[in-house]
Amino acid sequence: MNKFHSLITKGRNKGILISAFFVFILTVSGSCGHKNEGILFQLPEEWALQSGDLVFRKGGSLISHTVTFADTGSVYSHVGMVLWTADGWKVLHAVPNERASKQEKDSVKLEDIGVFFRSDRASHGAVYRLEPPPSSDDSLKLLQKGLEIYQRHPLFDGDFNDLDSNAFYCTELVWFIYRKELGIDLSQGQRHKKALFPPMIFCSDILTHPELKETYKF
């Protein structure tokens, strides 16, 4: 019994240490702006994207490695949603520490897919789509909701509270849009529970959705 209790205590302590390290990384990485370095991703001609597609990436930063260390079910640390605009393919996503200056606040971003997959931000990535694909009407709903959210510039959700739609973290953002517009729960109700954090949606919670299929990767 003592041995069993010891194993539980060690596991709990490990979870607390991981979570504390995660908090430390978020705090440190959020204290400075992200330098614009790296090579822009060139969208392959064969990539037939659709508004509402989900794009996942894994970076080489310390925070990216911290996320994948905590989320053992996924090689990806970040997700966004593809939107077609008058300026081409964009990615809507919520991410900390990619500000142009210290004066800016971390908020929901809409940027070129080439920037989203820039070499200093993505060592590899993938595009996922529901199967069967959303209809043109449903795709339009996702596009309109995404643009609506971007236009009000909600902040990055550093509290990781998916019950509050006034701020978003990355997985929460795409989960919220799909649930709101199509009634689809991408996470299937799954949450990861880490000490010091509220229950969170991890990339692996979305990637295990049975109707979500990989269409491209690099």
C-alpha atoms as a PDB file:
ATOM      1  CA  MET A   1       0.000   0.000   0.000  1.00  0.00           C
ATOM      2  CA  ASN A   2       2.830   2.386   0.832  1.00  0.00           C
ATOM      3  CA  LYS A   3       4.488   1.574  -2.491  1.00  0.00           C
ATOM      4  CA  PHE A   4       1.233   2.274  -4.346  1.00  0.00           C
ATOM      5  CA  HIS A   5       0.792   5.555  -2.500  1.00  0.00           C
ATOM      6  CA  SER A   6       4.369   6.486  -3.340  1.00  0.00           C
ATOM      7  CA  LEU A   7       3.772   5.888  -7.049  1.00  0.00           C
ATOM      8  CA  ILE A   8       0.657   8.062  -6.991  1.00  0.00           C
ATOM      9  CA  THR A   9       2.523  10.828  -5.183  1.00  0.00           C
ATOM     10  CA  LYS A  10       5.395  10.693  -7.657  1.00  0.00           C
ATOM     11  CA  GLY A  11       2.971  10.856 -10.584  1.00  0.00           C
ATOM     12  CA  ARG A  12       1.156  13.804  -9.045  1.00  0.00           C
ATOM     13  CA  ASN A  13       4.407  15.608  -8.343  1.00  0.00           C
ATOM     14  CA  LYS A  14       5.572  14.992 -11.904  1.00  0.00           C
ATOM     15  CA  GLY A  15       2.346  16.493 -13.234  1.00  0.00           C
ATOM     16  CA  ILE A  16       2.778  19.557 -11.030  1.00  0.00           C
ATOM     17  CA  LEU A  17       6.382  19.995 -12.176  1.00  0.00           C
ATOM     18  CA  ILE A  18       5.379  19.723 -15.837  1.00  0.00           C
ATOM     19  CA  SER A  19       2.582  22.242 -15.365  1.00  0.00           C
ATOM     20  CA  ALA A  20       4.820  24.622 -13.418  1.00  0.00           C
ATOM     21  CA  PHE A  21       7.405  24.388 -16.184  1.00  0.00           C
ATOM     22  CA  PHE A  22       4.653  25.094 -18.731  1.00  0.00           C
ATOM     23  CA  VAL A  23       3.597  28.214 -16.799  1.00  0.00           C
ATOM     24  CA  PHE A  24       7.224  29.348 -16.601  1.00  0.00           C
ATOM     25  CA  ILE A  25       7.734  28.938 -20.350  1.00  0.00           C
ATOM     26  CA  LEU A  26       4.539  30.841 -21.150  1.00  0.00           C
ATOM     27  CA  THR A  27       5.569  33.650 -18.819  1.00  0.00           C
ATOM     28  CA  VAL A  28       9.101  33.944 -20.136  1.00  0.00           C
ATOM     29  CA  SER A  29       8.185  33.576 -23.806  1.00  0.00           C
ATOM     30  CA  GLY A  30       5.400  36.100 -23.431  1.00  0.00           C
ATOM     31  CA  SER A  31       7.758  38.768 -22.153  1.00  0.00           C
ATOM     32  CA  CYS A  32       9.234  39.661 -25.522  1.00  0.00           C
ATOM     33  CA  GLY A  33       8.189  39.985 -29.159  1.00  0.00           C
ATOM     34  CA  HIS A  34       8.900  37.335 -31.762  1.00  0.00           C
ATOM     35  CA  LYS A  35      11.659  38.175 -34.247  1.00  0.00           C
ATOM     36  CA  ASN A  36      10.726  37.963 -37.918  1.00  0.00           C
ATOM     37  CA  GLU A  37      13.096  35.289 -39.144  1.00  0.00           C
ATOM     38  CA  GLY A  38      12.760  32.268 -41.349  1.00  0.00           C
ATOM     39  CA  ILE A  39      11.751  31.346 -44.861  1.00  0.00           C
ATOM     40  CA  LEU A  40       8.139  31.816 -45.966  1.00  0.00           C
ATOM     41  CA  PHE A  41       6.289  28.597 -46.716  1.00  0.00           C
ATOM     42  CA  GLN A  42       5.425  28.198 -50.390  1.00  0.00           C
ATOM     43  CA  LEU A  43       1.936  26.806 -50.811  1.00  0.00           C
ATOM     44  CA  PRO A  44       2.158  23.792 -53.149  1.00  0.00           C
ATOM     45  CA  GLU A  45      -0.077  24.019 -56.217  1.00  0.00           C
ATOM     46  CA  GLU A  46      -1.660  20.650 -55.438  1.00  0.00           C
ATOM     47  CA  TRP A  47      -2.958  21.878 -52.078  1.00  0.00           C
ATOM     48  CA  ALA A  48      -6.665  22.430 -52.776  1.00  0.00           C
ATOM     49  CA  LEU A  49      -7.625  24.190 -49.559  1.00  0.00           C
ATOM     50  CA  GLN A  50     -11.100  24.966 -48.259  1.00  0.00           C
ATOM     51  CA  SER A  51     -12.265  27.499 -45.713  1.00  0.00           C
ATOM     52  CA  GLY A  52     -12.558  25.638 -42.439  1.00  0.00           C
ATOM     53  CA  ASP A  53      -9.586  23.343 -43.011  1.00  0.00           C
ATOM     54  CA  LEU A  54      -7.495  22.888 -39.877  1.00  0.00           C
ATOM     55  CA  VAL A  55      -3.744  23.431 -40.094  1.00  0.00           C
ATOM     56  CA  PHE A  56      -1.443  21.920 -37.478  1.00  0.00           C
ATOM     57  CA  ARG A  57       2.226  22.706 -36.980  1.00  0.00           C
ATOM     58  CA  LYS A  58       5.161  21.706 -34.816  1.00  0.00           C
ATOM     59  CA  GLY A  59       7.849  24.290 -34.194  1.00  0.00           C
ATOM     60  CA  GLY A  60      11.334  24.234 -32.805  1.00  0.00           C
ATOM     61  CA  SER A  61      10.774  26.709 -29.988  1.00  0.00           C
ATOM     62  CA  LEU A  62      10.968  25.828 -26.318  1.00  0.00           C
ATOM     63  CA  ILE A  63       7.257  26.461 -25.828  1.00  0.00           C
ATOM     64  CA  SER A  64       6.439  24.168 -28.778  1.00  0.00           C
ATOM     65  CA  HIS A  65       8.518  21.374 -27.270  1.00  0.00           C
ATOM     66  CA  THR A  66       6.873  21.992 -23.890  1.00  0.00           C
ATOM     67  CA  VAL A  67       3.405  21.622 -25.389  1.00  0.00           C
ATOM     68  CA  THR A  68       4.226  18.370 -27.198  1.00  0.00           C
ATOM     69  CA  PHE A  69       5.917  17.086 -24.040  1.00  0.00           C
ATOM     70  CA  ALA A  70       2.646  17.624 -22.170  1.00  0.00           C
ATOM     71  CA  ASP A  71       0.477  16.370 -25.048  1.00  0.00           C
ATOM     72  CA  THR A  72       2.001  12.970 -25.691  1.00  0.00           C
ATOM     73  CA  GLY A  73      -0.737  12.035 -28.171  1.00  0.00           C
ATOM     74  CA  SER A  74       0.267  14.533 -30.848  1.00  0.00           C
ATOM     75  CA  VAL A  75       3.413  15.603 -32.676  1.00  0.00           C
ATOM     76  CA  TYR A  76       1.821  19.012 -33.265  1.00  0.00           C
ATOM     77  CA  SER A  77       1.812  21.880 -30.793  1.00  0.00           C
ATOM     78  CA  HIS A  78      -0.430  24.429 -32.529  1.00  0.00           C
ATOM     79  CA  VAL A  79      -3.540  24.624 -34.721  1.00  0.00           C
ATOM     80  CA  GLY A  80      -5.316  27.266 -36.779  1.00  0.00           C
ATOM     81  CA  MET A  81      -8.162  27.442 -39.287  1.00  0.00           C
ATOM     82  CA  VAL A  82      -7.809  28.247 -42.993  1.00  0.00           C
ATOM     83  CA  LEU A  83      -9.912  31.080 -44.448  1.00  0.00           C
ATOM     84  CA  TRP A  84     -10.152  32.266 -48.042  1.00  0.00           C
ATOM     85  CA  THR A  85     -10.048  36.076 -48.273  1.00  0.00           C
ATOM     86  CA  ALA A  86      -9.641  38.694 -50.980  1.00  0.00           C
ATOM     87  CA  ASP A  87      -5.933  38.627 -50.141  1.00  0.00           C
ATOM     88  CA  GLY A  88      -5.579  34.879 -50.535  1.00  0.00           C
ATOM     89  CA  TRP A  89      -5.379  32.011 -48.068  1.00  0.00           C
ATOM     90  CA  LYS A  90      -5.084  33.105 -44.452  1.00  0.00           C
ATOM     91  CA  VAL A  91      -4.874  31.255 -41.160  1.00  0.00           C
ATOM     92  CA  LEU A  92      -6.913  32.327 -38.140  1.00  0.00           C
ATOM     93  CA  HIS A  93      -5.186  31.311 -34.922  1.00  0.00           C
ATOM     94  CA  ALA A  94      -4.493  32.308 -31.329  1.00  0.00           C
ATOM     95  CA  VAL A  95      -0.884  32.154 -30.200  1.00  0.00           C
ATOM     96  CA  PRO A  96       1.297  33.856 -27.570  1.00  0.00           C
ATOM     97  CA  ASN A  97       4.626  35.547 -28.243  1.00  0.00           C
ATOM     98  CA  GLU A  98       4.266  36.345 -31.932  1.00  0.00           C
ATOM     99  CA  ARG A  99       3.878  40.069 -31.510  1.00  0.00           C
ATOM    100  CA  ALA A 100       5.662  42.676 -33.596  1.00  0.00           C
ATOM    101  CA  SER A 101       6.510  44.679 -30.463  1.00  0.00           C
ATOM    102  CA  LYS A 102       6.318  44.537 -26.666  1.00  0.00           C
ATOM    103  CA  GLN A 103       3.544  47.127 -26.771  1.00  0.00           C
ATOM    104  CA  GLU A 104       1.167  44.772 -28.555  1.00  0.00           C
ATOM    105  CA  LYS A 105      -0.998  42.267 -26.727  1.00  0.00           C
ATOM    106  CA  ASP A 106      -1.240  38.626 -27.676  1.00  0.00           C
ATOM    107  CA  SER A 107      -4.478  38.250 -29.610  1.00  0.00           C
ATOM    108  CA  VAL A 108      -6.217  36.229 -32.309  1.00  0.00           C
ATOM    109  CA  LYS A 109      -4.279  36.611 -35.563  1.00  0.00           C
ATOM    110  CA  LEU A 110      -5.137  36.345 -39.252  1.00  0.00           C
ATOM    111  CA  GLU A 111      -2.029  35.884 -41.354  1.00  0.00           C
ATOM    112  CA  ASP A 112      -0.826  34.407 -44.623  1.00  0.00           C
ATOM    113  CA  ILE A 113      -0.491  30.651 -44.622  1.00  0.00           C
ATOM    114  CA  GLY A 114       3.096  31.178 -45.753  1.00  0.00           C
ATOM    115  CA  VAL A 115       3.774  33.044 -42.504  1.00  0.00           C
ATOM    116  CA  PHE A 116       1.925  30.491 -40.378  1.00  0.00           C
ATOM    117  CA  PHE A 117       4.128  27.714 -41.770  1.00  0.00           C
ATOM    118  CA  ARG A 118       7.290  29.876 -41.890  1.00  0.00           C
ATOM    119  CA  SER A 119      10.439  27.831 -41.347  1.00  0.00           C
ATOM    120  CA  ASP A 120      11.202  29.292 -37.914  1.00  0.00           C
ATOM    121  CA  ARG A 121       7.666  28.490 -36.741  1.00  0.00           C
ATOM    122  CA  ALA A 122       7.027  25.113 -38.339  1.00  0.00           C
ATOM    123  CA  SER A 123       9.475  22.249 -38.683  1.00  0.00           C
ATOM    124  CA  HIS A 124       6.578  20.267 -40.129  1.00  0.00           C
ATOM    125  CA  GLY A 125       2.845  20.628 -40.478  1.00  0.00           C
ATOM    126  CA  ALA A 126      -0.365  19.174 -41.863  1.00  0.00           C
ATOM    127  CA  VAL A 127      -3.830  20.051 -43.152  1.00  0.00           C
ATOM    128  CA  TYR A 128      -6.904  18.220 -41.861  1.00  0.00           C
ATOM    129  CA  ARG A 129     -10.495  18.262 -43.125  1.00  0.00           C
ATOM    130  CA  LEU A 130     -13.739  16.620 -42.083  1.00  0.00           C
ATOM    131  CA  GLU A 131     -14.817  13.634 -44.151  1.00  0.00           C
ATOM    132  CA  PRO A 132     -17.221  14.082 -45.831  1.00  0.00           C
ATOM    133  CA  PRO A 133     -16.057  17.690 -46.409  1.00  0.00           C
ATOM    134  CA  PRO A 134     -18.271  20.542 -45.199  1.00  0.00           C
ATOM    135  CA  SER A 135     -20.730  21.774 -47.820  1.00  0.00           C
ATOM    136  CA  SER A 136     -20.151  25.149 -49.474  1.00  0.00           C
ATOM    137  CA  ASP A 137     -22.769  26.639 -47.144  1.00  0.00           C
ATOM    138  CA  ASP A 138     -21.094  25.202 -44.050  1.00  0.00           C
ATOM    139  CA  SER A 139     -17.685  26.308 -45.288  1.00  0.00           C
ATOM    140  CA  LEU A 140     -19.086  29.820 -45.708  1.00  0.00           C
ATOM    141  CA  LYS A 141     -20.430  29.742 -42.151  1.00  0.00           C
ATOM    142  CA  LEU A 142     -16.973  28.846 -40.830  1.00  0.00           C
ATOM    143  CA  LEU A 143     -15.411  31.615 -42.913  1.00  0.00           C
ATOM    144  CA  GLN A 144     -17.876  34.249 -41.736  1.00  0.00           C
ATOM    145  CA  LYS A 145     -17.587  33.275 -38.069  1.00  0.00           C
ATOM    146  CA  GLY A 146     -13.801  33.270 -38.306  1.00  0.00           C
ATOM    147  CA  LEU A 147     -13.731  36.761 -39.822  1.00  0.00           C
ATOM    148  CA  GLU A 148     -16.281  37.984 -37.292  1.00  0.00           C
ATOM    149  CA  ILE A 149     -14.080  36.812 -34.414  1.00  0.00           C
ATOM    150  CA  TYR A 150     -10.946  38.310 -35.948  1.00  0.00           C
ATOM    151  CA  GLN A 151     -12.622  41.701 -36.436  1.00  0.00           C
ATOM    152  CA  ARG A 152     -13.224  42.027 -32.706  1.00  0.00           C
ATOM    153  CA  HIS A 153      -9.582  41.088 -31.945  1.00  0.00           C
ATOM    154  CA  PRO A 154     -10.067  38.920 -28.854  1.00  0.00           C
ATOM    155  CA  LEU A 155      -6.989  38.412 -26.696  1.00  0.00           C
ATOM    156  CA  PHE A 156      -5.068  35.176 -26.278  1.00  0.00           C
ATOM    157  CA  ASP A 157      -6.658  33.200 -23.451  1.00  0.00           C
ATOM    158  CA  GLY A 158      -3.826  32.870 -20.948  1.00  0.00           C
ATOM    159  CA  ASP A 159      -6.300  31.454 -18.412  1.00  0.00           C
ATOM    160  CA  PHE A 160      -7.084  28.534 -20.762  1.00  0.00           C
ATOM    161  CA  ASN A 161     -10.770  28.821 -19.960  1.00  0.00           C
ATOM    162  CA  ASP A 162     -12.918  27.394 -22.752  1.00  0.00           C
ATOM    163  CA  LEU A 163     -16.084  28.542 -20.975  1.00  0.00           C
ATOM    164  CA  ASP A 164     -15.225  32.160 -21.840  1.00  0.00           C
ATOM    165  CA  SER A 165     -15.540  33.155 -25.520  1.00  0.00           C
ATOM    166  CA  ASN A 166     -14.048  36.616 -24.974  1.00  0.00           C
ATOM    167  CA  ALA A 167     -10.515  35.208 -25.312  1.00  0.00           C
ATOM    168  CA  PHE A 168      -9.135  32.084 -26.962  1.00  0.00           C
ATOM    169  CA  TYR A 169      -6.192  29.708 -26.961  1.00  0.00           C
ATOM    170  CA  CYS A 170      -5.477  27.861 -30.214  1.00  0.00           C
ATOM    171  CA  THR A 171      -7.446  24.640 -29.854  1.00  0.00           C
ATOM    172  CA  GLU A 172     -10.265  26.445 -28.065  1.00  0.00           C
ATOM    173  CA  LEU A 173     -10.649  28.827 -31.019  1.00  0.00           C
ATOM    174  CA  VAL A 174     -11.225  26.172 -33.713  1.00  0.00           C
ATOM    175  CA  TRP A 175     -13.301  24.050 -31.323  1.00  0.00           C
ATOM    176  CA  PHE A 176     -15.547  27.056 -30.551  1.00  0.00           C
ATOM    177  CA  ILE A 177     -16.121  27.966 -34.214  1.00  0.00           C
ATOM    178  CA  TYR A 178     -17.036  24.432 -35.280  1.00  0.00           C
ATOM    179  CA  ARG A 179     -19.329  23.913 -32.305  1.00  0.00           C
ATOM    180  CA  LYS A 180     -20.997  27.290 -32.739  1.00  0.00           C
ATOM    181  CA  GLU A 181     -21.555  27.129 -36.507  1.00  0.00           C
ATOM    182  CA  LEU A 182     -21.866  23.431 -37.327  1.00  0.00           C
ATOM    183  CA  GLY A 183     -22.753  21.889 -33.973  1.00  0.00           C
ATOM    184  CA  ILE A 184     -19.651  19.705 -34.186  1.00  0.00           C
ATOM    185  CA  ASP A 185     -17.590  19.073 -31.058  1.00  0.00           C
ATOM    186  CA  LEU A 186     -14.105  18.556 -32.469  1.00  0.00           C
ATOM    187  CA  SER A 187     -12.800  17.539 -29.050  1.00  0.00           C
ATOM    188  CA  GLN A 188     -15.618  15.016 -28.461  1.00  0.00           C
ATOM    189  CA  GLY A 189     -15.807  16.321 -24.905  1.00  0.00           C
ATOM    190  CA  GLN A 190     -12.227  15.307 -24.157  1.00  0.00           C
ATOM    191  CA  ARG A 191     -10.077  17.483 -21.909  1.00  0.00           C
ATOM    192  CA  HIS A 192      -6.578  17.157 -20.531  1.00  0.00           C
ATOM    193  CA  LYS A 193      -6.203  17.855 -16.839  1.00  0.00           C
ATOM    194  CA  LYS A 194      -2.856  19.166 -15.667  1.00  0.00           C
ATOM    195  CA  ALA A 195      -2.039  20.479 -12.204  1.00  0.00           C
ATOM    196  CA  LEU A 196      -2.248  24.282 -11.939  1.00  0.00           C
ATOM    197  CA  PHE A 197      -4.420  24.441 -15.086  1.00  0.00           C
ATOM    198  CA  PRO A 198      -8.146  24.129 -15.790  1.00  0.00           C
ATOM    199  CA  PRO A 199      -9.175  21.249 -18.100  1.00  0.00           C
ATOM    200  CA  MET A 200      -7.716  22.042 -21.529  1.00  0.00           C
ATOM    201  CA  ILE A 201      -8.264  20.964 -25.134  1.00  0.00           C
ATOM    202  CA  PHE A 202      -5.034  19.583 -26.581  1.00  0.00           C
ATOM    203  CA  CYS A 203      -4.249  19.024 -30.264  1.00  0.00           C
ATOM    204  CA  SER A 204      -4.547  15.272 -29.698  1.00  0.00           C
ATOM    205  CA  ASP A 205      -8.132  15.734 -28.478  1.00  0.00           C
ATOM    206  CA  ILE A 206      -9.036  17.198 -31.885  1.00  0.00           C
ATOM    207  CA  LEU A 207      -6.884  14.910 -34.010  1.00  0.00           C
ATOM    208  CA  THR A 208      -8.668  11.831 -32.647  1.00  0.00           C
ATOM    209  CA  HIS A 209     -12.014  12.980 -34.057  1.00  0.00           C
ATOM    210  CA  PRO A 210     -13.050  10.045 -36.296  1.00  0.00           C
ATOM    211  CA  GLU A 211     -14.240  12.276 -39.159  1.00  0.00           C
ATOM    212  CA  LEU A 212     -11.136  14.449 -39.270  1.00  0.00           C
ATOM    213  CA  LYS A 213      -8.762  13.255 -41.992  1.00  0.00           C
ATOM    214  CA  GLU A 214      -5.286  14.369 -43.026  1.00  0.00           C
ATOM    215  CA  THR A 215      -5.205  15.779 -46.570  1.00  0.00           C
ATOM    216  CA  TYR A 216      -1.638  17.140 -46.785  1.00  0.00           C
ATOM    217  CA  LYS A 217       1.506  17.189 -44.712  1.00  0.00           C
ATOM    218  CA  PHE A 218       5.140  18.190 -44.935  1.00  0.00           C
END
